[in-house]
Amino acid sequence: MNDTFVILNPAAQGERAHRRRAHVEKLAGSSIVYATSETGEAESFARRAAQEGFRKVVAAGGDGTVHEVANGIAGSETALGVLPLGTMNVFANEIGLPTHDLDLCWRVIQADQTRLVDLPLANQKFFVQLAGVGLDAQALKETSNAFRRSFGPVSYLIAAAQIAARRPPRLSIQSENASINEGSFLLIGNGRLYGGPFPFFKQAVIDDGLFDVVVFKRLGYLEIIKYLQDVIFSSEIRTPEVEYFQTRQLRVESEEEVPVELDGELVGNCPVEFSLRERGLRVLAPS
């Protein structure tokens, strides 16, 4: 039996989607390729593939597809493979895949070189790379999928600019390792990268059993956007308005309706409880 199951998110429309599918099917050879047509399908396909005993399930898409497939195979011995077809492919970059060469990525999948990485959990949903509470989730909430497909990462900047004048929420933060208990915006990383190839979480290691948390204290959105750039482009966080800490568990609450995103997917609102399955996900990665 072929041991590899490929889940393709065509994302693009028309001719581009056909070309994409043809390329993936050519690489996959005799492996099964399923194309998704709606949100949530990748997760259910992946869950079924793991239950049927496939050793490898490949997410052929962007971070959203990786997120769904990881949720589908969580708790099984099935390994996650990645064919990066998205606009940013943050997780693929994190594990060292050659994101601009699908043929090389397929060779990594065939080579069977696996590593165990941490599998974070937010309430009842797993994620692989990143969670956000506040600003970036709000920008996602106000950006349509079609707009995101057309403008990629720029669409978030446009949405962020639209909400910049509003008053940010007050978030209550509970963790044994945090020296603060209140903030306006929170980012939680499993790996180092955020928003592309930017090493945002300076001390993060994807298999160290810890979250890396960046809290923007009681700041307005315009200040947060300025400090976001500072954090991305400097080697360490020096500003007192931004707190960085590591922890195994975290709870975030608010009296307001504050959205939460995981790997760029909206999953609901606060309150949210973060925990971690140490080395809980098997990933096919370069040695």
Protein backbone atom coordinates (compact mmCIF):
# COMPACT_ATOMS: atom_id res chain seq x y z
CA MET A 1 0.00 0.00 0.00
CA ASN A 2 1.17 3.55 -0.73
CA ASP A 3 1.89 5.17 2.65
CA THR A 4 1.52 8.85 1.60
CA PHE A 5 -1.72 10.84 1.44
CA VAL A 6 -1.56 14.34 -0.10
CA ILE A 7 -4.12 17.03 0.73
CA LEU A 8 -4.04 19.88 -1.78
CA ASN A 9 -5.56 23.30 -1.19
CA PRO A 10 -5.74 24.75 -4.73
CA ALA A 11 -6.50 28.28 -3.30
CA ALA A 12 -6.03 29.83 -6.75
CA GLN A 13 -8.87 29.79 -9.28
CA GLY A 14 -9.08 28.61 -12.89
CA GLU A 15 -5.96 27.85 -14.91
CA ARG A 16 -3.54 28.45 -12.04
CA ALA A 17 -5.35 25.89 -9.88
CA HIS A 18 -5.14 23.31 -12.71
CA ARG A 19 -1.39 23.91 -13.12
CA ARG A 20 -0.87 23.63 -9.38
CA ARG A 21 -2.79 20.37 -9.17
CA ALA A 22 -0.96 18.92 -12.19
CA HIS A 23 2.43 19.73 -10.60
CA VAL A 24 1.48 18.18 -7.24
CA GLU A 25 0.01 15.05 -8.91
CA LYS A 26 3.17 14.63 -11.00
CA LEU A 27 5.34 14.81 -7.87
CA ALA A 28 3.03 12.53 -5.89
CA GLY A 29 3.14 9.76 -8.50
CA SER A 30 1.10 6.84 -7.16
CA SER A 31 0.22 8.61 -3.88
CA ILE A 32 -3.40 9.62 -3.30
CA VAL A 33 -4.08 13.34 -3.89
CA TYR A 34 -7.28 14.93 -2.52
CA ALA A 35 -8.11 18.55 -3.37
CA THR A 36 -10.11 20.54 -0.82
CA SER A 37 -12.99 22.80 -1.78
CA GLU A 38 -13.88 24.37 1.57
CA THR A 39 -12.49 25.25 5.00
CA GLY A 40 -12.34 22.28 7.40
CA GLU A 41 -12.05 19.62 4.70
CA ALA A 42 -8.27 19.25 5.06
CA GLU A 43 -8.68 18.44 8.75
CA SER A 44 -11.31 15.74 8.16
CA PHE A 45 -9.32 14.23 5.22
CA ALA A 46 -6.19 14.14 7.41
CA ARG A 47 -8.03 12.56 10.34
CA ARG A 48 -9.42 9.84 8.07
CA ALA A 49 -6.01 9.19 6.50
CA ALA A 50 -4.41 8.81 9.95
CA GLN A 51 -7.19 6.43 11.06
CA GLU A 52 -6.67 4.37 7.89
CA GLY A 53 -2.99 3.93 8.73
CA PHE A 54 -1.23 6.29 6.30
CA ARG A 55 2.27 6.96 7.64
CA LYS A 56 2.55 10.39 6.00
CA VAL A 57 -0.05 13.08 5.34
CA VAL A 58 1.18 15.96 3.20
CA ALA A 59 -0.27 19.48 3.46
CA ALA A 60 0.06 20.96 -0.05
CA GLY A 61 -0.91 24.57 0.60
CA GLY A 62 -0.11 27.44 2.96
CA ASP A 63 -0.04 27.74 6.74
CA GLY A 64 -3.83 27.36 6.94
CA THR A 65 -3.63 23.93 5.27
CA VAL A 66 -0.74 22.90 7.55
CA HIS A 67 -2.84 24.02 10.54
CA GLU A 68 -5.81 21.88 9.48
CA VAL A 69 -3.72 18.80 8.67
CA ALA A 70 -1.90 19.03 12.02
CA ASN A 71 -5.28 19.11 13.80
CA GLY A 72 -6.39 16.07 11.79
CA ILE A 73 -3.36 13.90 12.62
CA ALA A 74 -2.79 15.13 16.22
CA GLY A 75 -2.49 12.23 18.64
CA SER A 76 -1.53 9.72 15.93
CA GLU A 77 1.82 8.31 14.75
CA THR A 78 1.26 9.83 11.29
CA ALA A 79 3.94 12.30 10.14
CA LEU A 80 3.18 15.72 8.66
CA GLY A 81 4.77 16.58 5.32
CA VAL A 82 4.61 20.05 3.75
CA LEU A 83 4.52 21.16 0.12
CA PRO A 84 4.56 24.97 0.51
CA LEU A 85 2.04 26.58 -1.87
CA GLY A 86 0.89 29.52 0.26
CA THR A 87 1.78 33.20 0.21
CA MET A 88 4.08 33.07 3.28
CA ASN A 89 4.66 29.42 4.31
CA VAL A 90 5.95 30.38 7.75
CA PHE A 91 5.96 26.84 9.19
CA ALA A 92 7.77 25.45 6.12
CA ASN A 93 10.46 28.12 6.60
CA GLU A 94 10.62 27.31 10.32
CA ILE A 95 11.47 23.64 9.73
CA GLY A 96 14.04 24.52 7.05
CA LEU A 97 12.23 23.46 3.87
CA PRO A 98 13.43 24.95 0.55
CA THR A 99 10.13 26.80 0.07
CA HIS A 100 10.80 27.91 -3.52
CA ASP A 101 11.49 24.39 -4.79
CA LEU A 102 8.56 21.95 -4.59
CA ASP A 103 10.61 19.13 -6.13
CA LEU A 104 13.19 19.38 -3.33
CA CYS A 105 10.40 19.55 -0.73
CA TRP A 106 8.93 16.33 -2.16
CA ARG A 107 12.36 14.69 -1.85
CA VAL A 108 12.40 15.65 1.84
CA ILE A 109 9.00 13.94 2.23
CA GLN A 110 10.29 10.80 0.49
CA ALA A 111 13.49 10.73 2.55
CA ASP A 112 11.47 9.85 5.70
CA GLN A 113 13.61 12.04 7.96
CA THR A 114 11.28 12.93 10.85
CA ARG A 115 11.66 15.22 13.83
CA LEU A 116 9.36 15.66 16.80
CA VAL A 117 8.17 19.22 17.46
CA ASP A 118 5.96 20.66 20.17
CA LEU A 119 2.23 20.76 19.51
CA PRO A 120 0.53 23.74 21.18
CA LEU A 121 -3.14 23.76 22.11
CA ALA A 122 -5.47 26.75 22.47
CA ASN A 123 -8.71 25.69 24.17
CA GLN A 124 -9.61 22.62 22.05
CA LYS A 125 -7.65 23.54 18.90
CA PHE A 126 -4.05 22.67 18.03
CA PHE A 127 -1.68 25.00 16.18
CA VAL A 128 1.88 24.63 14.88
CA GLN A 129 3.50 28.06 14.70
CA LEU A 130 1.72 31.06 16.10
CA ALA A 131 -1.26 32.45 17.99
CA GLY A 132 -2.42 36.04 18.28
CA VAL A 133 -4.91 37.66 20.65
CA GLY A 134 -6.08 41.14 19.63
CA LEU A 135 -4.71 43.25 16.79
CA ASP A 136 -3.66 40.66 14.19
CA ALA A 137 -6.76 38.51 14.83
CA GLN A 138 -8.92 41.65 14.49
CA ALA A 139 -7.18 42.47 11.17
CA LEU A 140 -7.87 38.90 9.99
CA LYS A 141 -11.50 39.18 11.06
CA GLU A 142 -11.93 42.29 8.92
CA THR A 143 -10.15 40.93 5.83
CA SER A 144 -12.08 38.70 3.42
CA ASN A 145 -10.48 35.52 2.03
CA ALA A 146 -10.72 36.90 -1.51
CA PHE A 147 -8.97 40.12 -0.45
CA ARG A 148 -6.25 38.07 1.29
CA ARG A 149 -5.72 35.94 -1.81
CA SER A 150 -5.40 39.04 -4.00
CA PHE A 151 -3.10 41.10 -1.78
CA GLY A 152 -1.36 38.51 0.43
CA PRO A 153 0.47 39.94 3.49
CA VAL A 154 -0.32 43.53 2.38
CA SER A 155 -4.03 42.90 3.09
CA TYR A 156 -3.29 42.66 6.84
CA LEU A 157 -1.46 45.97 6.80
CA ILE A 158 -4.44 47.61 5.09
CA ALA A 159 -6.83 46.12 7.69
CA ALA A 160 -4.47 47.07 10.54
CA ALA A 161 -4.39 50.67 9.25
CA GLN A 162 -8.21 50.71 9.24
CA ILE A 163 -8.45 49.67 12.90
CA ALA A 164 -5.43 51.67 14.11
CA ALA A 165 -7.52 54.59 15.37
CA ARG A 166 -9.68 52.41 17.65
CA ARG A 167 -9.09 51.86 21.33
CA PRO A 168 -7.43 48.46 21.88
CA PRO A 169 -8.91 45.94 24.34
CA ARG A 170 -7.66 45.29 27.87
CA LEU A 171 -6.35 41.75 28.13
CA SER A 172 -5.84 39.97 31.43
CA ILE A 173 -2.81 37.61 31.34
CA GLN A 174 -2.32 34.72 33.77
CA SER A 175 0.94 32.76 33.75
CA GLU A 176 3.41 31.71 36.44
CA ASN A 177 6.24 33.24 34.35
CA ALA A 178 4.77 36.61 33.41
CA SER A 179 5.77 39.70 35.39
CA ILE A 180 2.77 41.59 33.99
CA ASN A 181 -0.94 40.84 34.17
CA GLU A 182 -2.36 43.22 31.58
CA GLY A 183 -1.79 44.04 27.92
CA SER A 184 -3.36 45.33 24.70
CA PHE A 185 -2.10 42.69 22.24
CA LEU A 186 -0.43 39.31 22.62
CA LEU A 187 1.54 37.03 20.31
CA ILE A 188 2.42 33.44 21.25
CA GLY A 189 5.07 31.58 19.27
CA ASN A 190 6.00 27.92 19.05
CA GLY A 191 8.81 28.72 16.59
CA ARG A 192 10.92 31.81 15.87
CA LEU A 193 9.15 33.19 12.80
CA TYR A 194 6.15 35.49 12.43
CA GLY A 195 4.57 37.07 9.34
CA GLY A 196 7.14 35.64 6.94
CA PRO A 197 10.88 35.02 7.32
CA PHE A 198 11.18 37.33 10.36
CA PRO A 199 12.77 35.88 13.55
CA PHE A 200 10.26 37.55 15.86
CA PHE A 201 10.49 35.21 18.87
CA LYS A 202 14.23 35.54 19.48
CA GLN A 203 14.69 32.65 21.93
CA ALA A 204 12.12 30.23 20.52
CA VAL A 205 12.94 26.60 19.74
CA ILE A 206 10.20 24.49 18.19
CA ASP A 207 10.86 21.47 20.44
CA ASP A 208 11.84 22.98 23.82
CA GLY A 209 8.49 22.47 25.58
CA LEU A 210 7.92 26.22 25.94
CA PHE A 211 5.82 28.97 24.41
CA ASP A 212 7.49 32.30 23.66
CA VAL A 213 5.13 35.16 24.50
CA VAL A 214 5.37 38.81 23.44
CA VAL A 215 2.98 41.19 25.21
CA PHE A 216 2.40 44.73 24.02
CA LYS A 217 1.41 46.55 27.20
CA ARG A 218 -1.31 49.18 27.46
CA LEU A 219 -0.60 50.80 24.11
CA GLY A 220 -2.69 52.26 21.30
CA TYR A 221 -2.77 50.34 18.01
CA LEU A 222 -0.54 52.88 16.21
CA GLU A 223 2.11 52.47 18.93
CA ILE A 224 1.76 48.67 18.71
CA ILE A 225 2.36 48.74 14.94
CA LYS A 226 5.50 50.85 15.50
CA TYR A 227 6.78 48.49 18.22
CA LEU A 228 5.96 45.44 16.06
CA GLN A 229 8.47 46.75 13.50
CA ASP A 230 11.03 47.34 16.25
CA VAL A 231 10.67 43.77 17.52
CA ILE A 232 10.90 42.27 14.01
CA PHE A 233 13.97 44.21 12.92
CA SER A 234 16.07 44.37 16.10
CA SER A 235 18.09 41.53 17.57
CA GLU A 236 16.59 41.84 21.07
CA ILE A 237 13.65 43.53 22.77
CA ARG A 238 14.80 46.57 24.73
CA THR A 239 11.66 48.66 24.99
CA PRO A 240 9.86 48.60 28.38
CA GLU A 241 6.48 48.76 26.57
CA VAL A 242 6.98 45.22 25.28
CA GLU A 243 7.36 42.17 27.53
CA TYR A 244 8.92 38.86 26.39
CA PHE A 245 8.74 35.67 28.44
CA GLN A 246 8.61 31.88 28.06
CA THR A 247 6.04 29.61 29.68
CA ARG A 248 4.34 26.21 29.47
CA GLN A 249 0.83 27.51 30.16
CA LEU A 250 -1.05 30.75 29.68
CA ARG A 251 -4.58 32.06 30.07
CA VAL A 252 -5.85 35.25 28.43
CA GLU A 253 -9.19 36.85 29.31
CA SER A 254 -10.99 40.08 28.53
CA GLU A 255 -14.29 41.67 29.44
CA GLU A 256 -14.60 42.63 25.76
CA GLU A 257 -15.05 40.43 22.69
CA VAL A 258 -11.44 39.92 21.57
CA PRO A 259 -10.71 37.60 18.63
CA VAL A 260 -8.06 34.85 18.64
CA GLU A 261 -6.14 33.53 15.62
CA LEU A 262 -4.07 30.35 15.29
CA ASP A 263 -1.67 30.01 12.34
CA GLY A 264 -3.57 32.80 10.58
CA GLU A 265 -7.00 31.17 11.10
CA LEU A 266 -9.70 32.76 13.27
CA VAL A 267 -10.88 30.36 15.99
CA GLY A 268 -13.18 32.44 18.20
CA ASN A 269 -12.77 34.87 21.09
CA CYS A 270 -11.27 35.13 24.58
CA PRO A 271 -11.05 33.58 27.09
CA VAL A 272 -8.33 31.28 25.76
CA GLU A 273 -6.20 28.74 27.60
CA PHE A 274 -2.83 27.77 26.06
CA SER A 275 -1.06 24.51 26.85
CA LEU A 276 1.50 22.32 25.10
CA ARG A 277 2.02 18.69 24.10
CA GLU A 278 5.78 18.43 24.30
CA ARG A 279 7.23 16.92 21.09
CA GLY A 280 3.67 15.91 20.19
CA LEU A 281 3.88 16.22 16.38
CA ARG A 282 5.97 14.16 13.96
CA VAL A 283 7.18 16.30 11.02
CA LEU A 284 9.06 15.38 7.84
CA ALA A 285 11.93 17.87 7.72
CA PRO A 286 15.43 18.23 6.23
CA SER A 287 18.10 16.56 8.36
